[in-house]
Amino acid sequence: VFHGRILARRVVGQETRYEVEVKAPYRRRFPLVSREYLWVPNTCGCPPLREGGEYLLMARRHVNHEHTLNRILLQDDGYARPWTPREARLVREAARHC
């Protein structure tokens, strides 16, 4: 789970790749750097992430069996919500309870 700002969007084959500025990581199941690529397994624009927009994103690390592919994947059941100050408060409260 992290707060990110969408810098760019590009369709690559049958997927969409977003360049994301990581503003704040919250749950660290894997390390994040200040800029990451977020992959969505479709080209339809779902979820609708707009360039310049800030979001609370819940994605997972995807590594294939050969360990040749290691990326952040936002699946259909993932979570992408526009960022608001309320989101910051909710994330801080949830982190305290974990």
PDB file of N, CA and C in Angstrom:
ATOM      1  N   VAL A   1       0.859  -1.175   0.000  1.00  0.00           N
ATOM      2  CA  VAL A   1       0.000   0.000   0.000  1.00  0.00           C
ATOM      3  C   VAL A   1       0.900   1.230   0.000  1.00  0.00           C
ATOM      4  N   PHE A   2       0.624   2.150  -0.918  1.00  0.00           N
ATOM      5  CA  PHE A   2       1.422   3.365  -0.970  1.00  0.00           C
ATOM      6  C   PHE A   2       0.635   4.513  -1.598  1.00  0.00           C
ATOM      7  N   HIS A   3       1.084   5.714  -1.313  1.00  0.00           N
ATOM      8  CA  HIS A   3       0.535   6.938  -1.882  1.00  0.00           C
ATOM      9  C   HIS A   3       1.438   7.285  -3.059  1.00  0.00           C
ATOM     10  N   GLY A   4       0.850   7.415  -4.243  1.00  0.00           N
ATOM     11  CA  GLY A   4       1.660   7.707  -5.415  1.00  0.00           C
ATOM     12  C   GLY A   4       1.012   8.714  -6.336  1.00  0.00           C
ATOM     13  N   ARG A   5       1.856   9.389  -7.116  1.00  0.00           N
ATOM     14  CA  ARG A   5       1.395  10.348  -8.131  1.00  0.00           C
ATOM     15  C   ARG A   5       1.735   9.789  -9.501  1.00  0.00           C
ATOM     16  N   ILE A   6       0.768   9.749 -10.401  1.00  0.00           N
ATOM     17  CA  ILE A   6       0.964   9.205 -11.736  1.00  0.00           C
ATOM     18  C   ILE A   6       1.709  10.236 -12.580  1.00  0.00           C
ATOM     19  N   LEU A   7       2.866   9.816 -13.098  1.00  0.00           N
ATOM     20  CA  LEU A   7       3.685  10.702 -13.924  1.00  0.00           C
ATOM     21  C   LEU A   7       3.437  10.482 -15.412  1.00  0.00           C
ATOM     22  N   ALA A   8       3.217   9.231 -15.812  1.00  0.00           N
ATOM     23  CA  ALA A   8       3.011   8.930 -17.233  1.00  0.00           C
ATOM     24  C   ALA A   8       2.266   7.614 -17.376  1.00  0.00           C
ATOM     25  N   ARG A   9       1.637   7.446 -18.536  1.00  0.00           N
ATOM     26  CA  ARG A   9       0.895   6.215 -18.848  1.00  0.00           C
ATOM     27  C   ARG A   9       1.308   5.770 -20.237  1.00  0.00           C
ATOM     28  N   ARG A  10       1.537   4.464 -20.380  1.00  0.00           N
ATOM     29  CA  ARG A  10       1.940   3.933 -21.682  1.00  0.00           C
ATOM     30  C   ARG A  10       1.381   2.524 -21.843  1.00  0.00           C
ATOM     31  N   VAL A  11       0.777   2.249 -23.000  1.00  0.00           N
ATOM     32  CA  VAL A  11       0.296   0.913 -23.303  1.00  0.00           C
ATOM     33  C   VAL A  11       1.466   0.126 -23.877  1.00  0.00           C
ATOM     34  N   VAL A  12       1.720  -1.055 -23.290  1.00  0.00           N
ATOM     35  CA  VAL A  12       2.799  -1.932 -23.724  1.00  0.00           C
ATOM     36  C   VAL A  12       2.185  -3.304 -23.981  1.00  0.00           C
ATOM     37  N   GLY A  13       2.051  -3.673 -25.242  1.00  0.00           N
ATOM     38  CA  GLY A  13       1.411  -4.947 -25.575  1.00  0.00           C
ATOM     39  C   GLY A  13      -0.026  -4.964 -25.091  1.00  0.00           C
ATOM     40  N   GLN A  14      -0.370  -5.939 -24.261  1.00  0.00           N
ATOM     41  CA  GLN A  14      -1.722  -6.084 -23.724  1.00  0.00           C
ATOM     42  C   GLN A  14      -1.852  -5.525 -22.313  1.00  0.00           C
ATOM     43  N   GLU A  15      -0.879  -4.704 -21.891  1.00  0.00           N
ATOM     44  CA  GLU A  15      -0.878  -4.156 -20.531  1.00  0.00           C
ATOM     45  C   GLU A  15      -0.686  -2.644 -20.576  1.00  0.00           C
ATOM     46  N   THR A  16      -0.965  -2.022 -19.456  1.00  0.00           N
ATOM     47  CA  THR A  16      -0.731  -0.591 -19.303  1.00  0.00           C
ATOM     48  C   THR A  16       0.323  -0.400 -18.233  1.00  0.00           C
ATOM     49  N   ARG A  17       1.319   0.439 -18.532  1.00  0.00           N
ATOM     50  CA  ARG A  17       2.384   0.717 -17.581  1.00  0.00           C
ATOM     51  C   ARG A  17       2.290   2.181 -17.153  1.00  0.00           C
ATOM     52  N   TYR A  18       2.220   2.382 -15.842  1.00  0.00           N
ATOM     53  CA  TYR A  18       2.199   3.726 -15.279  1.00  0.00           C
ATOM     54  C   TYR A  18       3.532   3.993 -14.602  1.00  0.00           C
ATOM     55  N   GLU A  19       4.090   5.167 -14.859  1.00  0.00           N
ATOM     56  CA  GLU A  19       5.259   5.597 -14.101  1.00  0.00           C
ATOM     57  C   GLU A  19       4.709   6.363 -12.903  1.00  0.00           C
ATOM     58  N   VAL A  20       5.125   5.958 -11.715  1.00  0.00           N
ATOM     59  CA  VAL A  20       4.547   6.489 -10.484  1.00  0.00           C
ATOM     60  C   VAL A  20       5.644   7.055  -9.593  1.00  0.00           C
ATOM     61  N   GLU A  21       5.404   8.259  -9.078  1.00  0.00           N
ATOM     62  CA  GLU A  21       6.261   8.821  -8.037  1.00  0.00           C
ATOM     63  C   GLU A  21       5.692   8.333  -6.706  1.00  0.00           C
ATOM     64  N   VAL A  22       6.499   7.588  -5.963  1.00  0.00           N
ATOM     65  CA  VAL A  22       6.056   7.070  -4.672  1.00  0.00           C
ATOM     66  C   VAL A  22       6.191   8.193  -3.650  1.00  0.00           C
ATOM     67  N   LYS A  23       5.060   8.676  -3.155  1.00  0.00           N
ATOM     68  CA  LYS A  23       5.053   9.766  -2.180  1.00  0.00           C
ATOM     69  C   LYS A  23       5.280   9.247  -0.763  1.00  0.00           C
ATOM     70  N   ALA A  24       4.623   8.115  -0.433  1.00  0.00           N
ATOM     71  CA  ALA A  24       4.767   7.537   0.902  1.00  0.00           C
ATOM     72  C   ALA A  24       4.345   6.073   0.874  1.00  0.00           C
ATOM     73  N   PRO A  25       5.258   5.168   1.217  1.00  0.00           N
ATOM     74  CA  PRO A  25       4.867   3.761   1.353  1.00  0.00           C
ATOM     75  C   PRO A  25       4.268   3.541   2.741  1.00  0.00           C
ATOM     76  N   TYR A  26       3.266   2.681   2.846  1.00  0.00           N
ATOM     77  CA  TYR A  26       2.628   2.437   4.136  1.00  0.00           C
ATOM     78  C   TYR A  26       2.835   1.018   4.630  1.00  0.00           C
ATOM     79  N   ARG A  27       2.488   0.057   3.853  1.00  0.00           N
ATOM     80  CA  ARG A  27       2.729  -1.338   4.235  1.00  0.00           C
ATOM     81  C   ARG A  27       3.822  -1.846   3.325  1.00  0.00           C
ATOM     82  N   ARG A  28       4.930  -2.194   3.912  1.00  0.00           N
ATOM     83  CA  ARG A  28       6.085  -2.578   3.107  1.00  0.00           C
ATOM     84  C   ARG A  28       6.280  -4.080   3.087  1.00  0.00           C
ATOM     85  N   ARG A  29       5.634  -4.729   2.156  1.00  0.00           N
ATOM     86  CA  ARG A  29       5.869  -6.155   1.957  1.00  0.00           C
ATOM     87  C   ARG A  29       7.015  -6.356   0.979  1.00  0.00           C
ATOM     88  N   PHE A  30       7.351  -5.293   0.259  1.00  0.00           N
ATOM     89  CA  PHE A  30       8.495  -5.297  -0.635  1.00  0.00           C
ATOM     90  C   PHE A  30       9.013  -3.865  -0.704  1.00  0.00           C
ATOM     91  N   PRO A  31      10.310  -3.689  -0.991  1.00  0.00           N
ATOM     92  CA  PRO A  31      10.880  -2.337  -1.012  1.00  0.00           C
ATOM     93  C   PRO A  31      10.398  -1.539  -2.221  1.00  0.00           C
ATOM     94  N   LEU A  32      10.213  -0.249  -2.017  1.00  0.00           N
ATOM     95  CA  LEU A  32       9.851   0.667  -3.090  1.00  0.00           C
ATOM     96  C   LEU A  32      10.908   1.751  -3.189  1.00  0.00           C
ATOM     97  N   VAL A  33      11.156   2.224  -4.392  1.00  0.00           N
ATOM     98  CA  VAL A  33      12.044   3.363  -4.602  1.00  0.00           C
ATOM     99  C   VAL A  33      11.179   4.573  -4.932  1.00  0.00           C
ATOM    100  N   SER A  34      11.786   5.729  -5.103  1.00  0.00           N
ATOM    101  CA  SER A  34      11.012   6.958  -5.288  1.00  0.00           C
ATOM    102  C   SER A  34      10.198   6.972  -6.581  1.00  0.00           C
ATOM    103  N   ARG A  35      10.647   6.235  -7.595  1.00  0.00           N
ATOM    104  CA  ARG A  35       9.877   6.106  -8.842  1.00  0.00           C
ATOM    105  C   ARG A  35       9.779   4.631  -9.195  1.00  0.00           C
ATOM    106  N   GLU A  36       8.582   4.214  -9.501  1.00  0.00           N
ATOM    107  CA  GLU A  36       8.320   2.813  -9.825  1.00  0.00           C
ATOM    108  C   GLU A  36       7.436   2.748 -11.059  1.00  0.00           C
ATOM    109  N   TYR A  37       7.444   1.599 -11.707  1.00  0.00           N
ATOM    110  CA  TYR A  37       6.470   1.301 -12.751  1.00  0.00           C
ATOM    111  C   TYR A  37       5.384   0.434 -12.123  1.00  0.00           C
ATOM    112  N   LEU A  38       4.152   0.804 -12.372  1.00  0.00           N
ATOM    113  CA  LEU A  38       2.985   0.063 -11.907  1.00  0.00           C
ATOM    114  C   LEU A  38       2.313  -0.511 -13.147  1.00  0.00           C
ATOM    115  N   TRP A  39       2.160  -1.827 -13.186  1.00  0.00           N
ATOM    116  CA  TRP A  39       1.577  -2.497 -14.350  1.00  0.00           C
ATOM    117  C   TRP A  39       0.132  -2.888 -14.075  1.00  0.00           C
ATOM    118  N   VAL A  40      -0.712  -2.698 -15.090  1.00  0.00           N
ATOM    119  CA  VAL A  40      -2.116  -3.096 -15.032  1.00  0.00           C
ATOM    120  C   VAL A  40      -2.337  -4.065 -16.194  1.00  0.00           C
ATOM    121  N   PRO A  41      -2.889  -5.265 -15.936  1.00  0.00           N
ATOM    122  CA  PRO A  41      -2.992  -6.283 -16.979  1.00  0.00           C
ATOM    123  C   PRO A  41      -4.133  -6.078 -17.978  1.00  0.00           C
ATOM    124  N   ASN A  42      -4.304  -4.842 -18.462  1.00  0.00           N
ATOM    125  CA  ASN A  42      -5.287  -4.567 -19.512  1.00  0.00           C
ATOM    126  C   ASN A  42      -4.913  -3.249 -20.184  1.00  0.00           C
ATOM    127  N   THR A  43      -5.598  -2.934 -21.262  1.00  0.00           N
ATOM    128  CA  THR A  43      -5.351  -1.670 -21.972  1.00  0.00           C
ATOM    129  C   THR A  43      -6.585  -0.786 -21.990  1.00  0.00           C
ATOM    130  N   CYS A  44      -7.608  -1.164 -21.232  1.00  0.00           N
ATOM    131  CA  CYS A  44      -8.883  -0.435 -21.276  1.00  0.00           C
ATOM    132  C   CYS A  44      -8.891   0.822 -20.401  1.00  0.00           C
ATOM    133  N   GLY A  45      -7.832   1.043 -19.636  1.00  0.00           N
ATOM    134  CA  GLY A  45      -7.820   2.209 -18.764  1.00  0.00           C
ATOM    135  C   GLY A  45      -8.516   1.966 -17.446  1.00  0.00           C
ATOM    136  N   CYS A  46      -8.640   0.714 -17.058  1.00  0.00           N
ATOM    137  CA  CYS A  46      -9.263   0.352 -15.782  1.00  0.00           C
ATOM    138  C   CYS A  46      -8.193  -0.135 -14.819  1.00  0.00           C
ATOM    139  N   PRO A  47      -8.067   0.415 -13.680  1.00  0.00           N
ATOM    140  CA  PRO A  47      -8.806   1.557 -13.147  1.00  0.00           C
ATOM    141  C   PRO A  47      -8.357   2.847 -13.817  1.00  0.00           C
ATOM    142  N   PRO A  48      -9.216   3.854 -13.857  1.00  0.00           N
ATOM    143  CA  PRO A  48      -8.883   5.110 -14.529  1.00  0.00           C
ATOM    144  C   PRO A  48      -7.915   5.964 -13.701  1.00  0.00           C
ATOM    145  N   LEU A  49      -6.636   5.809 -13.947  1.00  0.00           N
ATOM    146  CA  LEU A  49      -5.614   6.603 -13.261  1.00  0.00           C
ATOM    147  C   LEU A  49      -5.154   7.699 -14.221  1.00  0.00           C
ATOM    148  N   ARG A  50      -5.296   8.941 -13.830  1.00  0.00           N
ATOM    149  CA  ARG A  50      -4.942  10.031 -14.741  1.00  0.00           C
ATOM    150  C   ARG A  50      -3.560  10.585 -14.407  1.00  0.00           C
ATOM    151  N   GLU A  51      -2.867  11.011 -15.435  1.00  0.00           N
ATOM    152  CA  GLU A  51      -1.549  11.614 -15.238  1.00  0.00           C
ATOM    153  C   GLU A  51      -1.681  12.852 -14.364  1.00  0.00           C
ATOM    154  N   GLY A  52      -0.797  12.974 -13.382  1.00  0.00           N
ATOM    155  CA  GLY A  52      -0.834  14.086 -12.440  1.00  0.00           C
ATOM    156  C   GLY A  52      -1.691  13.810 -11.218  1.00  0.00           C
ATOM    157  N   GLY A  53      -2.521  12.780 -11.277  1.00  0.00           N
ATOM    158  CA  GLY A  53      -3.391  12.442 -10.163  1.00  0.00           C
ATOM    159  C   GLY A  53      -2.640  11.693  -9.068  1.00  0.00           C
ATOM    160  N   GLU A  54      -3.102  11.853  -7.843  1.00  0.00           N
ATOM    161  CA  GLU A  54      -2.516  11.148  -6.707  1.00  0.00           C
ATOM    162  C   GLU A  54      -3.521  10.126  -6.194  1.00  0.00           C
ATOM    163  N   TYR A  55      -2.987   8.940  -5.839  1.00  0.00           N
ATOM    164  CA  TYR A  55      -3.844   7.821  -5.473  1.00  0.00           C
ATOM    165  C   TYR A  55      -3.274   7.057  -4.291  1.00  0.00           C
ATOM    166  N   LEU A  56      -4.157   6.381  -3.594  1.00  0.00           N
ATOM    167  CA  LEU A  56      -3.768   5.372  -2.624  1.00  0.00           C
ATOM    168  C   LEU A  56      -3.859   4.060  -3.399  1.00  0.00           C
ATOM    169  N   LEU A  57      -2.734   3.342  -3.498  1.00  0.00           N
ATOM    170  CA  LEU A  57      -2.646   2.159  -4.347  1.00  0.00           C
ATOM    171  C   LEU A  57      -2.290   0.932  -3.526  1.00  0.00           C
ATOM    172  N   MET A  58      -3.026  -0.141  -3.739  1.00  0.00           N
ATOM    173  CA  MET A  58      -2.711  -1.406  -3.104  1.00  0.00           C
ATOM    174  C   MET A  58      -2.406  -2.389  -4.227  1.00  0.00           C
ATOM    175  N   ALA A  59      -1.141  -2.682  -4.393  1.00  0.00           N
ATOM    176  CA  ALA A  59      -0.688  -3.555  -5.467  1.00  0.00           C
ATOM    177  C   ALA A  59       0.164  -4.662  -4.864  1.00  0.00           C
ATOM    178  N   ARG A  60       0.593  -5.588  -5.699  1.00  0.00           N
ATOM    179  CA  ARG A  60       1.442  -6.665  -5.199  1.00  0.00           C
ATOM    180  C   ARG A  60       2.667  -6.803  -6.089  1.00  0.00           C
ATOM    181  N   ARG A  61       3.699  -7.384  -5.535  1.00  0.00           N
ATOM    182  CA  ARG A  61       4.913  -7.668  -6.288  1.00  0.00           C
ATOM    183  C   ARG A  61       4.670  -8.952  -7.067  1.00  0.00           C
ATOM    184  N   HIS A  62       4.938  -8.929  -8.354  1.00  0.00           N
ATOM    185  CA  HIS A  62       4.777 -10.120  -9.191  1.00  0.00           C
ATOM    186  C   HIS A  62       6.147 -10.556  -9.688  1.00  0.00           C
ATOM    187  N   VAL A  63       6.529 -11.777  -9.351  1.00  0.00           N
ATOM    188  CA  VAL A  63       7.776 -12.374  -9.815  1.00  0.00           C
ATOM    189  C   VAL A  63       7.404 -13.680 -10.506  1.00  0.00           C
ATOM    190  N   ASN A  64       7.868 -13.861 -11.753  1.00  0.00           N
ATOM    191  CA  ASN A  64       7.528 -15.106 -12.455  1.00  0.00           C
ATOM    192  C   ASN A  64       8.398 -16.263 -11.966  1.00  0.00           C
ATOM    193  N   HIS A  65       8.092 -17.462 -12.415  1.00  0.00           N
ATOM    194  CA  HIS A  65       8.791 -18.666 -11.946  1.00  0.00           C
ATOM    195  C   HIS A  65      10.278 -18.650 -12.278  1.00  0.00           C
ATOM    196  N   GLU A  66      10.648 -18.036 -13.390  1.00  0.00           N
ATOM    197  CA  GLU A  66      12.052 -17.987 -13.797  1.00  0.00           C
ATOM    198  C   GLU A  66      12.820 -16.861 -13.111  1.00  0.00           C
ATOM    199  N   HIS A  67      12.114 -16.035 -12.367  1.00  0.00           N
ATOM    200  CA  HIS A  67      12.695 -14.864 -11.698  1.00  0.00           C
ATOM    201  C   HIS A  67      13.321 -13.881 -12.690  1.00  0.00           C
ATOM    202  N   THR A  68      12.741 -13.818 -13.885  1.00  0.00           N
ATOM    203  CA  THR A  68      13.207 -12.860 -14.883  1.00  0.00           C
ATOM    204  C   THR A  68      12.294 -11.644 -14.957  1.00  0.00           C
ATOM    205  N   LEU A  69      11.172 -11.717 -14.288  1.00  0.00           N
ATOM    206  CA  LEU A  69      10.201 -10.633 -14.288  1.00  0.00           C
ATOM    207  C   LEU A  69       9.865 -10.292 -12.844  1.00  0.00           C
ATOM    208  N   ASN A  70      10.117  -9.069 -12.461  1.00  0.00           N
ATOM    209  CA  ASN A  70       9.882  -8.617 -11.090  1.00  0.00           C
ATOM    210  C   ASN A  70       9.283  -7.226 -11.183  1.00  0.00           C
ATOM    211  N   ARG A  71       7.997  -7.106 -10.913  1.00  0.00           N
ATOM    212  CA  ARG A  71       7.338  -5.810 -11.090  1.00  0.00           C
ATOM    213  C   ARG A  71       6.175  -5.655 -10.138  1.00  0.00           C
ATOM    214  N   ILE A  72       5.656  -4.430 -10.071  1.00  0.00           N
ATOM    215  CA  ILE A  72       4.500  -4.125  -9.237  1.00  0.00           C
ATOM    216  C   ILE A  72       3.264  -4.222 -10.119  1.00  0.00           C
ATOM    217  N   LEU A  73       2.309  -5.025  -9.673  1.00  0.00           N
ATOM    218  CA  LEU A  73       1.127  -5.326 -10.467  1.00  0.00           C
ATOM    219  C   LEU A  73      -0.130  -4.894  -9.718  1.00  0.00           C
ATOM    220  N   LEU A  74      -0.965  -4.124 -10.394  1.00  0.00           N
ATOM    221  CA  LEU A  74      -2.270  -3.743  -9.860  1.00  0.00           C
ATOM    222  C   LEU A  74      -3.297  -4.602 -10.582  1.00  0.00           C
ATOM    223  N   GLN A  75      -3.748  -5.650  -9.928  1.00  0.00           N
ATOM    224  CA  GLN A  75      -4.694  -6.581 -10.538  1.00  0.00           C
ATOM    225  C   GLN A  75      -6.108  -6.026 -10.503  1.00  0.00           C
ATOM    226  N   ASP A  76      -7.011  -6.757 -11.151  1.00  0.00           N
ATOM    227  CA  ASP A  76      -8.418  -6.344 -11.178  1.00  0.00           C
ATOM    228  C   ASP A  76      -8.993  -6.204  -9.777  1.00  0.00           C
ATOM    229  N   ASP A  77      -8.547  -7.046  -8.852  1.00  0.00           N
ATOM    230  CA  ASP A  77      -9.045  -6.968  -7.481  1.00  0.00           C
ATOM    231  C   ASP A  77      -8.177  -6.060  -6.603  1.00  0.00           C
ATOM    232  N   GLY A  78      -7.250  -5.334  -7.219  1.00  0.00           N
ATOM    233  CA  GLY A  78      -6.412  -4.382  -6.478  1.00  0.00           C
ATOM    234  C   GLY A  78      -7.213  -3.152  -6.087  1.00  0.00           C
ATOM    235  N   TYR A  79      -6.545  -2.222  -5.460  1.00  0.00           N
ATOM    236  CA  TYR A  79      -7.224  -1.048  -4.911  1.00  0.00           C
ATOM    237  C   TYR A  79      -6.520   0.205  -5.416  1.00  0.00           C
ATOM    238  N   ALA A  80      -7.283   1.094  -6.006  1.00  0.00           N
ATOM    239  CA  ALA A  80      -6.762   2.381  -6.460  1.00  0.00           C
ATOM    240  C   ALA A  80      -7.834   3.422  -6.179  1.00  0.00           C
ATOM    241  N   ARG A  81      -7.533   4.309  -5.251  1.00  0.00           N
ATOM    242  CA  ARG A  81      -8.516   5.318  -4.832  1.00  0.00           C
ATOM    243  C   ARG A  81      -7.856   6.692  -4.894  1.00  0.00           C
ATOM    244  N   PRO A  82      -8.578   7.712  -5.379  1.00  0.00           N
ATOM    245  CA  PRO A  82      -7.993   9.054  -5.386  1.00  0.00           C
ATOM    246  C   PRO A  82      -7.543   9.461  -3.982  1.00  0.00           C
ATOM    247  N   TRP A  83      -6.391  10.094  -3.915  1.00  0.00           N
ATOM    248  CA  TRP A  83      -5.790  10.503  -2.651  1.00  0.00           C
ATOM    249  C   TRP A  83      -6.487  11.743  -2.106  1.00  0.00           C
ATOM    250  N   THR A  84      -6.813  11.711  -0.822  1.00  0.00           N
ATOM    251  CA  THR A  84      -7.374  12.869  -0.125  1.00  0.00           C
ATOM    252  C   THR A  84      -6.717  12.931   1.249  1.00  0.00           C
ATOM    253  N   PRO A  85      -6.766  14.065   1.923  1.00  0.00           N
ATOM    254  CA  PRO A  85      -6.240  14.118   3.287  1.00  0.00           C
ATOM    255  C   PRO A  85      -6.897  13.080   4.204  1.00  0.00           C
ATOM    256  N   ARG A  86      -8.144  12.740   3.934  1.00  0.00           N
ATOM    257  CA  ARG A  86      -8.835  11.709   4.719  1.00  0.00           C
ATOM    258  C   ARG A  86      -8.120  10.370   4.570  1.00  0.00           C
ATOM    259  N   GLU A  87      -7.645  10.075   3.366  1.00  0.00           N
ATOM    260  CA  GLU A  87      -6.910   8.827   3.139  1.00  0.00           C
ATOM    261  C   GLU A  87      -5.680   8.759   4.026  1.00  0.00           C
ATOM    262  N   ALA A  88      -4.972   9.859   4.158  1.00  0.00           N
ATOM    263  CA  ALA A  88      -3.767   9.888   4.995  1.00  0.00           C
ATOM    264  C   ALA A  88      -4.118   9.544   6.439  1.00  0.00           C
ATOM    265  N   ARG A  89      -5.198  10.093   6.925  1.00  0.00           N
ATOM    266  CA  ARG A  89      -5.626   9.836   8.299  1.00  0.00           C
ATOM    267  C   ARG A  89      -6.011   8.367   8.489  1.00  0.00           C
ATOM    268  N   LEU A  90      -6.761   7.811   7.540  1.00  0.00           N
ATOM    269  CA  LEU A  90      -7.178   6.418   7.641  1.00  0.00           C
ATOM    270  C   LEU A  90      -5.989   5.464   7.592  1.00  0.00           C
ATOM    271  N   VAL A  91      -5.019   5.752   6.732  1.00  0.00           N
ATOM    272  CA  VAL A  91      -3.839   4.891   6.619  1.00  0.00           C
ATOM    273  C   VAL A  91      -3.024   4.939   7.905  1.00  0.00           C
ATOM    274  N   ARG A  92      -2.855   6.112   8.475  1.00  0.00           N
ATOM    275  CA  ARG A  92      -2.102   6.234   9.737  1.00  0.00           C
ATOM    276  C   ARG A  92      -2.792   5.462  10.854  1.00  0.00           C
ATOM    277  N   GLU A  93      -4.122   5.556  10.923  1.00  0.00           N
ATOM    278  CA  GLU A  93      -4.872   4.832  11.958  1.00  0.00           C
ATOM    279  C   GLU A  93      -4.751   3.323  11.768  1.00  0.00           C
ATOM    280  N   ALA A  94      -4.849   2.860  10.541  1.00  0.00           N
ATOM    281  CA  ALA A  94      -4.725   1.419  10.262  1.00  0.00           C
ATOM    282  C   ALA A  94      -3.333   0.912  10.605  1.00  0.00           C
ATOM    283  N   ALA A  95      -2.325   1.710  10.339  1.00  0.00           N
ATOM    284  CA  ALA A  95      -0.949   1.307  10.629  1.00  0.00           C
ATOM    285  C   ALA A  95      -0.728   1.164  12.130  1.00  0.00           C
ATOM    286  N   ARG A  96      -1.375   1.979  12.918  1.00  0.00           N
ATOM    287  CA  ARG A  96      -1.236   1.887  14.370  1.00  0.00           C
ATOM    288  C   ARG A  96      -1.836   0.603  14.921  1.00  0.00           C
ATOM    289  N   HIS A  97      -2.879   0.088  14.251  1.00  0.00           N
ATOM    290  CA  HIS A  97      -3.570  -1.104  14.730  1.00  0.00           C
ATOM    291  C   HIS A  97      -2.932  -2.407  14.271  1.00  0.00           C
ATOM    292  N   CYS A  98      -1.961  -2.329  13.397  1.00  0.00           N
ATOM    293  CA  CYS A  98      -1.299  -3.556  12.889  1.00  0.00           C
ATOM    294  C   CYS A  98      -0.187  -4.007  13.814  1.00  0.00           C
TER     295      CYS A  98
END
